[in-house]
Each structure stands twice: as structure tokens, then as C-alpha cells.
Protein backbone atom coordinates (compact mmCIF):
# COMPACT_ATOMS: atom_id res chain seq x y z
CA MET A 1 2.70 46.24 -15.06
CA ASP A 2 1.82 43.91 -17.96
CA ILE A 3 -0.99 41.39 -18.20
CA LEU A 4 1.14 38.50 -16.87
CA GLU A 5 2.22 40.45 -13.81
CA ASN A 6 -1.40 41.37 -13.16
CA SER A 7 -2.33 37.68 -13.26
CA TYR A 8 0.28 36.85 -10.62
CA ARG A 9 -0.87 39.77 -8.48
CA ARG A 10 -4.46 38.48 -8.58
CA LEU A 11 -3.15 35.15 -7.28
CA GLY A 12 -1.44 36.83 -4.34
CA ILE A 13 2.14 37.19 -5.59
CA SER A 14 3.73 40.54 -4.72
CA GLU A 15 5.89 42.48 -7.13
CA ALA A 16 8.98 41.83 -4.97
CA VAL A 17 8.49 38.05 -4.98
CA LEU A 18 7.73 37.98 -8.71
CA ASP A 19 10.82 40.05 -9.55
CA PHE A 20 12.99 37.83 -7.35
CA GLY A 21 11.67 34.72 -9.10
CA GLN A 22 11.99 36.17 -12.59
CA LYS A 23 15.67 36.98 -12.10
CA ILE A 24 16.40 33.43 -11.02
CA GLU A 25 14.34 31.95 -13.85
CA GLU A 26 16.34 33.98 -16.35
CA GLU A 27 19.54 32.38 -15.05
CA LEU A 28 18.16 28.87 -15.57
CA LYS A 29 17.56 28.89 -19.34
CA THR A 30 20.43 26.51 -20.09
CA ARG A 31 19.36 24.08 -17.34
CA PHE A 32 15.82 24.10 -18.67
CA TRP A 33 17.05 23.40 -22.21
CA GLU A 34 18.96 20.36 -20.89
CA ILE A 35 15.83 19.08 -19.12
CA ASP A 36 13.82 19.47 -22.34
CA ALA A 37 16.45 17.50 -24.28
CA VAL A 38 16.11 14.52 -21.89
CA ALA A 39 12.32 14.79 -22.10
CA GLU A 40 12.48 14.69 -25.90
CA TYR A 41 14.58 11.51 -25.81
CA ASN A 42 12.23 9.83 -23.33
CA GLN A 43 9.16 10.94 -25.29
CA LEU A 44 10.55 9.22 -28.39
CA LYS A 45 11.35 6.13 -26.31
CA VAL A 46 7.76 5.87 -25.08
CA ILE A 47 6.29 6.43 -28.56
CA GLY A 48 8.69 3.84 -29.98
CA ALA A 49 7.59 1.28 -27.36
CA MET A 50 3.90 1.90 -28.07
CA GLN A 51 4.46 1.51 -31.81
CA GLU A 52 6.63 -1.57 -31.38
CA CYS A 53 3.93 -3.21 -29.25
CA ARG A 54 1.22 -2.24 -31.77
CA VAL A 55 -1.00 -0.31 -29.38
CA GLY A 56 -4.44 0.17 -30.96
CA ALA A 57 -7.72 1.84 -30.03
CA GLU A 58 -9.08 -1.52 -28.91
CA CYS A 59 -6.54 -1.44 -26.05
CA PHE A 60 -8.65 1.22 -24.33
CA ASN A 61 -11.68 -1.07 -23.93
CA SER A 62 -12.77 -1.93 -20.41
CA SER A 63 -13.03 -5.34 -18.77
CA SER A 64 -14.79 -6.45 -15.60
CA GLY A 65 -15.03 -9.51 -13.39
CA TYR A 66 -12.09 -11.84 -13.85
CA GLY A 67 -10.62 -9.76 -16.65
CA TYR A 68 -9.69 -12.76 -18.78
CA ASN A 69 -8.11 -11.90 -22.13
CA ASP A 70 -7.88 -8.17 -21.36
CA LEU A 71 -5.94 -7.02 -24.41
CA GLY A 72 -5.31 -3.48 -23.14
CA ARG A 73 -3.94 -4.67 -19.80
CA ASP A 74 -1.63 -7.26 -21.35
CA LYS A 75 -0.46 -4.88 -24.08
CA LEU A 76 0.28 -2.13 -21.53
CA GLU A 77 2.53 -4.53 -19.65
CA GLU A 78 4.37 -5.24 -22.91
CA VAL A 79 4.81 -1.48 -23.37
CA TYR A 80 6.23 -1.02 -19.87
CA ALA A 81 8.65 -3.89 -20.42
CA ALA A 82 9.74 -2.25 -23.69
CA VAL A 83 10.16 1.18 -22.07
CA PHE A 84 12.19 -0.19 -19.15
CA HIS A 85 14.01 -2.78 -21.31
CA THR A 86 12.99 -5.72 -19.13
CA GLU A 87 11.69 -9.20 -19.82
CA ALA A 88 8.25 -8.51 -18.34
CA ALA A 89 6.17 -6.08 -16.32
CA LEU A 90 3.18 -6.04 -14.00
CA VAL A 91 1.08 -2.85 -14.30
CA ARG A 92 -2.22 -2.97 -12.48
CA PRO A 93 -4.89 -0.75 -10.90
CA GLN A 94 -5.08 -3.41 -8.18
CA ILE A 95 -1.66 -2.18 -6.97
CA THR A 96 -2.87 0.65 -4.78
CA CYS A 97 0.27 2.75 -4.27
CA GLY A 98 4.06 2.77 -4.35
CA THR A 99 4.37 1.15 -0.92
CA HIS A 100 2.04 -1.63 -2.06
CA ALA A 101 4.11 -2.17 -5.22
CA LEU A 102 7.32 -2.41 -3.17
CA ALA A 103 5.72 -4.72 -0.60
CA LEU A 104 4.45 -6.90 -3.44
CA ALA A 105 7.90 -7.11 -5.05
CA LEU A 106 9.53 -8.03 -1.74
CA MET A 107 6.93 -10.45 -0.40
CA SER A 108 6.67 -12.34 -3.69
CA ASN A 109 10.41 -12.86 -4.14
CA LEU A 110 11.48 -13.59 -0.55
CA ARG A 111 10.79 -16.75 1.41
CA PRO A 112 11.06 -17.66 5.12
CA GLY A 113 14.72 -17.84 6.09
CA ASP A 114 15.82 -15.35 3.42
CA GLU A 115 17.48 -12.05 4.25
CA LEU A 116 16.68 -8.64 2.80
CA LEU A 117 19.63 -6.25 2.65
CA SER A 118 19.16 -2.53 2.04
CA ILE A 119 22.38 -0.97 0.77
CA SER A 120 21.10 2.62 0.60
CA GLY A 121 20.49 2.99 4.31
CA LYS A 122 17.16 3.41 6.03
CA PRO A 123 14.20 2.75 3.74
CA TYR A 124 11.26 5.11 3.30
CA ASP A 125 9.09 5.39 6.42
CA THR A 126 6.13 3.37 5.13
CA LEU A 127 8.39 0.40 4.37
CA GLU A 128 9.46 0.10 8.00
CA GLU A 129 6.23 -1.72 8.84
CA VAL A 130 6.38 -3.77 5.63
CA ILE A 131 9.81 -5.03 6.65
CA GLY A 132 9.07 -5.25 10.36
CA ILE A 133 11.53 -2.63 11.57
CA ARG A 134 8.43 -1.27 13.28
CA PRO A 135 6.29 -4.28 14.22
CA SER A 136 3.16 -4.65 12.11
CA LYS A 137 0.78 -7.43 11.17
CA GLY A 138 1.82 -9.30 8.05
CA SER A 139 5.36 -7.88 7.95
CA LEU A 140 8.28 -9.73 6.41
CA ALA A 141 9.60 -10.29 9.93
CA GLU A 142 6.45 -12.24 10.85
CA TYR A 143 7.25 -14.61 7.98
CA GLY A 144 10.79 -15.23 9.20
CA ILE A 145 12.51 -12.93 6.71
CA THR A 146 15.38 -11.04 8.32
CA TYR A 147 16.57 -7.56 7.49
CA ARG A 148 19.85 -5.70 7.62
CA GLN A 149 21.06 -2.45 6.13
CA VAL A 150 24.26 -0.76 5.07
CA ASP A 151 24.21 3.01 5.34
CA LEU A 152 25.50 5.23 2.58
CA ARG A 153 28.81 6.92 3.22
CA GLY A 154 28.90 10.53 4.35
CA ASP A 155 29.39 11.69 0.76
CA GLY A 156 26.23 9.88 -0.36
CA ASN A 157 28.06 7.04 -2.14
CA PHE A 158 27.61 3.33 -1.56
CA ASP A 159 29.90 1.76 1.03
CA PHE A 160 31.15 -1.17 -1.04
CA GLU A 161 33.37 -2.70 1.63
CA GLU A 162 30.54 -2.73 4.16
CA ILE A 163 28.23 -4.22 1.52
CA ARG A 164 30.72 -7.02 0.91
CA ARG A 165 30.88 -7.75 4.64
CA ALA A 166 27.10 -7.59 4.99
CA VAL A 167 26.28 -10.17 2.31
CA THR A 168 25.74 -13.62 3.82
CA PRO A 169 24.59 -16.97 2.40
CA LYS A 170 21.06 -15.97 3.51
CA THR A 171 21.05 -12.74 1.50
CA LYS A 172 18.42 -13.21 -1.20
CA LEU A 173 17.48 -9.67 -2.22
CA VAL A 174 19.28 -6.33 -2.14
CA ALA A 175 17.12 -3.21 -2.06
CA ILE A 176 18.19 0.20 -3.31
CA GLN A 177 16.10 3.33 -2.81
CA ARG A 178 16.81 5.79 -5.60
CA SER A 179 15.13 8.81 -4.04
CA LYS A 180 15.90 10.32 -0.65
CA GLY A 181 12.59 9.75 1.12
CA TYR A 182 12.34 11.87 4.27
CA GLN A 183 16.10 12.25 4.43
CA THR A 184 18.40 15.00 3.26
CA ARG A 185 20.85 12.68 1.52
CA PRO A 186 21.56 12.93 -2.21
CA THR A 187 19.35 11.03 -4.63
CA LEU A 188 21.19 8.15 -6.29
CA SER A 189 21.95 8.50 -9.97
CA VAL A 190 21.28 5.64 -12.38
CA GLU A 191 25.04 5.39 -12.95
CA ARG A 192 25.73 4.95 -9.21
CA ILE A 193 22.95 2.40 -8.91
CA GLY A 194 24.38 0.49 -11.87
CA LYS A 195 27.79 0.29 -10.20
CA ALA A 196 26.20 -0.97 -6.99
CA VAL A 197 24.19 -3.61 -8.84
CA ALA A 198 27.32 -4.80 -10.67
CA PHE A 199 29.20 -4.97 -7.36
CA VAL A 200 26.48 -7.04 -5.69
CA LYS A 201 26.34 -9.39 -8.68
CA SER A 202 30.14 -9.78 -8.50
CA ILE A 203 29.72 -11.13 -4.98
CA ARG A 204 26.91 -13.52 -5.90
CA LYS A 205 25.09 -13.58 -9.22
CA ASP A 206 21.94 -15.09 -7.75
CA ILE A 207 21.21 -12.13 -5.45
CA LEU A 208 18.19 -10.19 -6.70
CA CYS A 209 18.59 -6.42 -6.96
CA MET A 210 15.41 -4.36 -6.57
CA VAL A 211 15.32 -0.59 -7.06
CA ASP A 212 12.64 1.63 -5.57
CA ASN A 213 12.32 3.86 -8.63
CA CYS A 214 9.66 6.21 -7.23
CA TYR A 215 10.08 9.83 -8.38
CA GLY A 216 12.95 8.87 -10.71
CA GLU A 217 11.29 7.65 -13.90
CA PHE A 218 12.17 9.67 -17.03
CA VAL A 219 14.45 12.06 -15.14
CA GLU A 220 17.48 10.56 -16.88
CA ILE A 221 17.96 8.89 -20.24
CA LYS A 222 18.53 5.49 -18.62
CA GLU A 223 16.62 3.62 -15.91
CA PRO A 224 18.10 1.26 -13.28
CA SER A 225 16.78 -1.69 -15.29
CA ASP A 226 19.16 -0.66 -18.08
CA MET A 227 21.99 -1.14 -15.58
CA GLY A 228 21.22 -4.68 -14.49
CA ALA A 229 18.57 -4.30 -11.77
CA ASP A 230 16.31 -7.37 -11.58
CA MET A 231 13.28 -5.25 -10.65
CA VAL A 232 12.35 -1.56 -10.81
CA VAL A 233 9.26 -0.60 -8.86
CA GLY A 234 7.08 2.50 -8.76
CA SER A 235 3.69 4.16 -8.50
CA LEU A 236 1.47 5.31 -11.35
CA ILE A 237 0.34 8.38 -9.41
CA LYS A 238 3.93 9.54 -9.53
CA ASN A 239 6.06 10.01 -12.67
CA PRO A 240 4.94 7.27 -15.09
CA GLY A 241 1.22 7.99 -14.73
CA GLY A 242 1.71 11.47 -16.18
CA GLY A 243 -0.95 12.93 -13.87
CA LEU A 244 -3.74 10.99 -15.61
CA ALA A 245 -3.52 7.57 -13.94
CA PRO A 246 -6.09 7.54 -11.11
CA ILE A 247 -4.43 4.66 -9.24
CA GLY A 248 -1.93 1.88 -9.84
CA GLY A 249 1.64 0.70 -9.58
CA TYR A 250 4.17 -1.19 -11.65
CA ILE A 251 6.98 -3.70 -11.32
CA ALA A 252 9.25 -4.22 -14.35
CA GLY A 253 11.91 -6.88 -14.31
CA THR A 254 12.86 -10.46 -15.06
CA GLU A 255 10.20 -12.92 -16.13
CA GLU A 256 10.62 -14.93 -12.92
CA CYS A 257 10.36 -11.91 -10.62
CA ILE A 258 7.24 -10.67 -12.39
CA GLU A 259 5.63 -14.09 -12.39
CA ASN A 260 6.24 -14.35 -8.64
CA ALA A 261 4.74 -10.89 -8.11
CA ALA A 262 1.66 -11.74 -10.19
CA TYR A 263 0.99 -14.90 -8.19
CA ARG A 264 1.28 -12.89 -4.98
CA LEU A 265 -0.97 -10.08 -6.26
CA THR A 266 -3.77 -12.45 -7.31
CA SER A 267 -3.33 -16.09 -6.29
CA PRO A 268 -1.23 -19.15 -7.06
CA GLY A 269 -2.49 -20.67 -10.28
CA LEU A 270 -4.02 -17.40 -11.52
CA GLY A 271 -1.17 -14.89 -11.74
CA ARG A 272 -1.36 -12.39 -14.60
CA GLU A 273 -4.39 -14.01 -16.22
CA VAL A 274 -6.89 -12.21 -13.99
CA GLY A 275 -7.39 -8.62 -12.92
CA ALA A 276 -9.96 -6.47 -14.68
CA SER A 277 -8.88 -3.08 -16.02
CA LEU A 278 -12.22 -1.45 -15.05
CA GLY A 279 -12.04 1.37 -17.59
CA VAL A 280 -8.70 2.91 -16.62
CA MET A 281 -6.64 1.73 -19.59
CA GLN A 282 -6.87 4.91 -21.66
CA SER A 283 -5.69 6.96 -18.66
CA PHE A 284 -2.79 4.54 -18.11
CA TYR A 285 -1.69 4.68 -21.75
CA GLN A 286 -2.18 8.41 -22.18
CA GLY A 287 -0.53 9.15 -18.83
CA LEU A 288 2.55 7.16 -19.83
CA PHE A 289 2.60 8.99 -23.18
CA LEU A 290 2.59 12.37 -21.39
CA ALA A 291 4.93 11.34 -18.58
CA PRO A 292 8.25 12.55 -20.08
CA THR A 293 6.85 16.06 -20.63
CA VAL A 294 5.14 16.17 -17.23
CA VAL A 295 8.33 15.03 -15.51
CA ALA A 296 10.25 17.77 -17.31
CA GLY A 297 7.87 20.39 -15.91
CA ALA A 298 8.26 18.98 -12.41
CA LEU A 299 12.05 18.97 -12.79
CA LYS A 300 12.09 22.62 -13.82
CA GLY A 301 10.04 23.39 -10.72
CA ALA A 302 12.50 21.50 -8.52
CA VAL A 303 15.50 23.30 -10.01
CA PHE A 304 13.71 26.63 -9.63
CA ALA A 305 12.91 25.87 -5.98
CA ALA A 306 16.49 24.85 -5.26
CA ASN A 307 17.85 28.10 -6.65
CA ILE A 308 15.20 30.25 -4.92
CA TYR A 309 15.78 28.85 -1.45
CA GLU A 310 19.52 28.40 -1.79
CA ARG A 311 19.76 32.08 -2.67
CA LEU A 312 17.88 32.86 0.56
CA GLY A 313 20.39 30.91 2.65
CA PHE A 314 18.50 27.69 3.31
CA GLU A 315 20.10 24.25 2.92
CA VAL A 316 18.72 22.54 -0.19
CA VAL A 317 19.26 19.00 -1.50
CA PRO A 318 20.10 18.82 -4.35
CA ASN A 319 21.71 22.24 -4.52
CA GLY A 320 20.94 24.71 -7.25
CA SER A 321 23.59 23.50 -9.69
CA GLU A 322 23.76 19.72 -9.13
CA SER A 323 22.58 17.21 -11.71
CA ARG A 324 19.08 15.84 -11.04
CA HIS A 325 18.14 12.21 -10.50
CA ASP A 326 14.58 12.57 -9.22
CA ILE A 327 11.88 15.25 -9.03
CA ILE A 328 12.06 15.84 -5.27
CA GLN A 329 13.53 19.00 -3.79
CA ALA A 330 14.34 19.08 -0.09
CA VAL A 331 14.55 22.43 1.73
CA THR A 332 15.62 22.49 5.37
CA PHE A 333 14.05 25.28 7.40
CA GLY A 334 15.18 24.21 10.87
CA SER A 335 11.80 25.00 12.39
CA PRO A 336 8.30 23.52 12.18
CA GLU A 337 6.95 26.95 11.21
CA GLY A 338 8.98 26.95 8.02
CA VAL A 339 7.68 23.53 6.95
CA VAL A 340 4.08 24.42 7.75
CA GLU A 341 4.12 27.83 6.04
CA PHE A 342 5.78 26.40 2.92
CA CYS A 343 3.08 23.74 2.65
CA LYS A 344 0.34 26.28 3.18
CA GLY A 345 1.73 28.26 0.25
CA ILE A 346 1.77 25.18 -2.01
CA GLN A 347 -1.82 24.34 -1.06
CA ALA A 348 -2.92 27.90 -1.80
CA ALA A 349 -1.52 27.56 -5.34
CA ALA A 350 -3.54 24.42 -6.12
CA PRO A 351 -6.40 24.26 -8.64
CA VAL A 352 -8.29 21.95 -6.25
CA ASP A 353 -8.91 22.69 -2.54
CA SER A 354 -6.87 25.88 -2.65
CA TYR A 355 -9.11 27.30 0.08
CA VAL A 356 -8.24 24.67 2.71
CA THR A 357 -5.33 24.89 5.15
CA PRO A 358 -3.06 21.83 5.57
CA GLU A 359 -2.24 20.84 9.13
CA PRO A 360 0.18 18.25 10.56
CA TRP A 361 -1.50 14.97 11.54
CA ALA A 362 -0.69 11.41 12.60
CA MET A 363 -0.68 9.89 9.13
CA PRO A 364 -0.71 6.04 9.01
CA GLY A 365 2.71 4.48 8.38
CA TYR A 366 4.80 7.34 9.83
CA ASP A 367 6.45 7.75 13.22
CA SER A 368 5.69 11.47 13.60
CA ASP A 369 3.06 13.97 12.54
CA VAL A 370 3.26 14.74 8.83
CA ILE A 371 1.96 17.75 6.92
CA MET A 372 0.93 17.30 3.31
CA ALA A 373 -0.11 19.92 0.78
CA ALA A 374 -1.70 18.46 -2.32
CA GLY A 375 -4.63 20.13 -4.02
CA ALA A 376 -4.68 17.39 -6.62
CA PHE A 377 -7.09 15.98 -9.18
CA VAL A 378 -6.04 12.51 -7.98
CA GLN A 379 -5.85 12.04 -4.22
CA GLY A 380 -2.23 11.66 -3.10
CA SER A 381 -0.84 12.14 -6.60
CA SER A 382 2.65 13.45 -5.98
CA ILE A 383 3.40 14.06 -9.65
CA GLU A 384 0.92 16.89 -9.19
CA LEU A 385 2.09 19.99 -7.32
CA SER A 386 2.63 18.85 -3.75
CA ALA A 387 4.82 19.22 -0.69
CA ASP A 388 5.07 17.32 2.54
CA GLY A 389 7.34 16.67 5.46
CA PRO A 390 7.52 15.13 8.93
CA ILE A 391 7.27 17.55 11.83
CA LYS A 392 10.56 16.56 13.39
CA PRO A 393 14.20 17.73 13.16
CA PRO A 394 15.79 18.87 10.93
CA TYR A 395 12.38 20.26 9.83
CA ALA A 396 12.83 19.76 6.11
CA VAL A 397 10.07 20.01 3.52
CA TYR A 398 9.98 17.87 0.39
CA PHE A 399 8.57 19.55 -2.70
CA GLN A 400 7.70 17.72 -5.90
CA GLY A 401 5.48 17.67 -8.92
CA GLY A 402 3.59 20.10 -11.07
CA LEU A 403 1.79 18.85 -14.17
CA THR A 404 3.13 21.92 -15.95
CA TRP A 405 6.17 24.10 -15.36
CA TYR A 406 3.93 27.13 -15.02
CA HIS A 407 2.00 25.59 -12.16
CA ALA A 408 5.22 24.51 -10.44
CA LYS A 409 6.52 28.07 -10.77
CA LEU A 410 3.36 29.52 -9.25
CA GLY A 411 3.57 27.05 -6.36
CA ILE A 412 7.14 28.02 -5.50
CA LEU A 413 6.37 31.73 -5.70
CA LYS A 414 3.31 31.20 -3.51
CA SER A 415 5.34 29.26 -0.94
CA LEU A 416 7.91 32.08 -0.84
CA GLN A 417 5.17 34.69 -0.51
CA ASN A 418 3.68 32.78 2.40
CA LEU A 419 7.04 32.45 4.18
CA LEU A 420 7.72 36.15 3.64
CA ASP A 421 4.31 37.19 4.96
CA ALA A 422 4.74 34.92 8.02
CA GLY A 423 8.18 36.36 8.78
CA VAL A 424 10.06 33.07 8.31
CA VAL A 425 11.86 34.72 5.38
CA LYS A 426 12.87 38.21 6.49
CA GLU A 427 13.82 39.81 3.20
CA LEU A 428 14.56 39.05 -0.45
């Protein structure tokens, strides 16, 4: 047994699990090379944007109070607009999470009497209260904004005929969720999203198209904003923060959409002019710089997980050979024990809080108990090694992240070891 095998053994990985994983990893060399090629392209894109926008050391200075004339903040928003090829961007630590960023994009660009139409089916759980599907204070519904949705077809494609029928004179904004959320549907590729945006614009050019881009940034060469989306929205503690951003969210899009969002985030008359950076600018810049490489590591982990659990007979989405459009890997166990034991394994592989045991709990914004494993440097950072899932049928777990491929690999092997030891997986 060599030094590497000894290291895995000290971390609780048996020889059988390690051998099983090594065989699958050997089969994935070509897939990993393809992931690295996309990462290289996106790395050059980010560097090019930073150079084009003349990022300098002075951009890392802190501001407080009102944050007037914060060069680093304003320059970072130029960089994001350059990376996503949009007219403008809003990138702020005052945006607390992905749900907040999406709520901000919706609430700032919809008015009473408007209709929001989701064309990718049910939105992510935490948006149900934002929209008012589940009643909540301050929801869009309370402001007289109506909501309808068109489900994806059984094959995961957009239902264009139903979309055409669903659009009414009141339809102001069409929402598309790129990732699957707590569903086992396929993630939507940038190409598919582009076709849907073009179709909506062919019905009425003035309809705004917003894409929830969470977990999708830098997975492909293009982003939905390259394909005509008016807004792309995401969280900095997911892909674009590169594991270094301690908080924050972004909206990139048309000048008008971003201006509306800025006035909603701060106040009418103030907009983008205020909002202190409070010392986080270097982390925001450096995190974006590292993001393509970090995303590549997370993608390798997702592909590895898909092949591991598919080989063991579990349903996985995407499957082991499909093209990837986000970093999330769904594995359906069919029992709560499978979800819980998987998450316990991920937690045990963490550099932080590895000694604690995750348990399902009534997490705010969800309609069932949820278990979350995330021994992260940044609380809730799902670009770091993490896994979570609702404790309800079909009892699927959603795995994502890993700041390095090696950590993602350890996490998957640890999850498999835990399932094997608990008897959920009978044999390899």
C-alpha cells in the first residue's frame, strides 16, 4: 500500500471503496480533459475582462458608510458586465444570497398588474414564498403581480406550444431556472435556454427574460446572457465567488434592468451610487479570478459521483455520460436513510466541522425537513463540498461543490463508505 492509499485509509476509506473509485476515475480521463479545456477558455475570458476594465491594486481598498465613489465596487461591476457580455451588472455584498438576488431582479422589474411566467416549471422552493405560491409577507402576490407556469415536457425540453398559449398581454417577465433545484429533471443547457429566449422574443419583443443562473456559471463556454437573456442572476457563494467571496450576489443584464434593481436594492434616487464594499473587494475579485478552475474541480466531482452511483444501480441525473450544464449531481436513493447517510459521509469529509452529524430540520423557506451537509469556510457556500436534500419522496440527494477536485473525490468516496457501512449499499 503506497503513501496515497495510506492517507485515504487514515481518513476512513477502505481498500475496497478506494479501488472501486480508482477504476472509475481511470475511465474518466477524457471527460476530465474536456472539463479542463472549458475551464481554460473561461479563465482567459475572466483575465481578459479584468485587463480590459483596467483592474488595479487600488480596487481592493475598502469603503464604509455611504460608499460614494467606491472604485473597486464600480470596477467589479464593469468586470462582471464584460464577463457576461451585458450592458451592466449589480454585484454587491448587500445582496445576501441567491434567493435575494432573484427576488431583487423580479421585484424591481415587475409592477402591480404584471404577470410573471415561469417556463421551466416549478421554481426552486425558496422562490415559492417570494412569488406567493406559498403565502408570505411581502410576496409578489401581495403587490398584485400574478404568476403562472408552463411545465417542461417529459423529455426535459421546453413546451413551446404551451408557452405560446400561456403568454398574455399582462406577461411582463419570463423566468427560466437553469438548474434543477430539488427536482430530478435535466439541467437546461445554454443552447436550450437561448432557443427558449428567442421563442419568447418572437412572441413579444418587450417581454423580459430572466435566467436563474445559480450553479451554472463557467460550466459551459457561453452564458445565457450570450443568448439574449435580459438578466442572469446568481449567488457569489456559488460558482462565481470561487470559494473566496464571503457573501454577495449578482445580476447582469440590460442597463434598464440593472438600474431598476439598484433602485430597489438601495432606494429611489440613490441606486448604484451607494453601498459600501466593507473590505470584501479583494475576495470578490480573487474569487472571480479562481472561479473557472474551482468550477472545473466541482464538475469533475459531479461526473465522478454520477459514474460511481450509476454503476451501483441508483438513478442519477445527469447520468454518467451526459454533457454537463451545472455542477449539481442528483442521486435518488428511494429512502430517507440513503439521503441521510450520504450527507453524513460528505460532512465527515469536510475540513470544517467534520466531527458534527447533520440531521434533517425544518429549514426556513422549505415545505419539508431538509438535511444539509456543508463543512464550509463560508456558511452555506455550496461551491464548497456540500450535499443536501428534502426528506420527502423520491428521496434524492443533491451533491455539489468542492474547491478542489481532490476534495470532491474524497467526499464522494466518504459518502460511499458511509452508505456501505450503514448497509444502504450492499456490495461494490
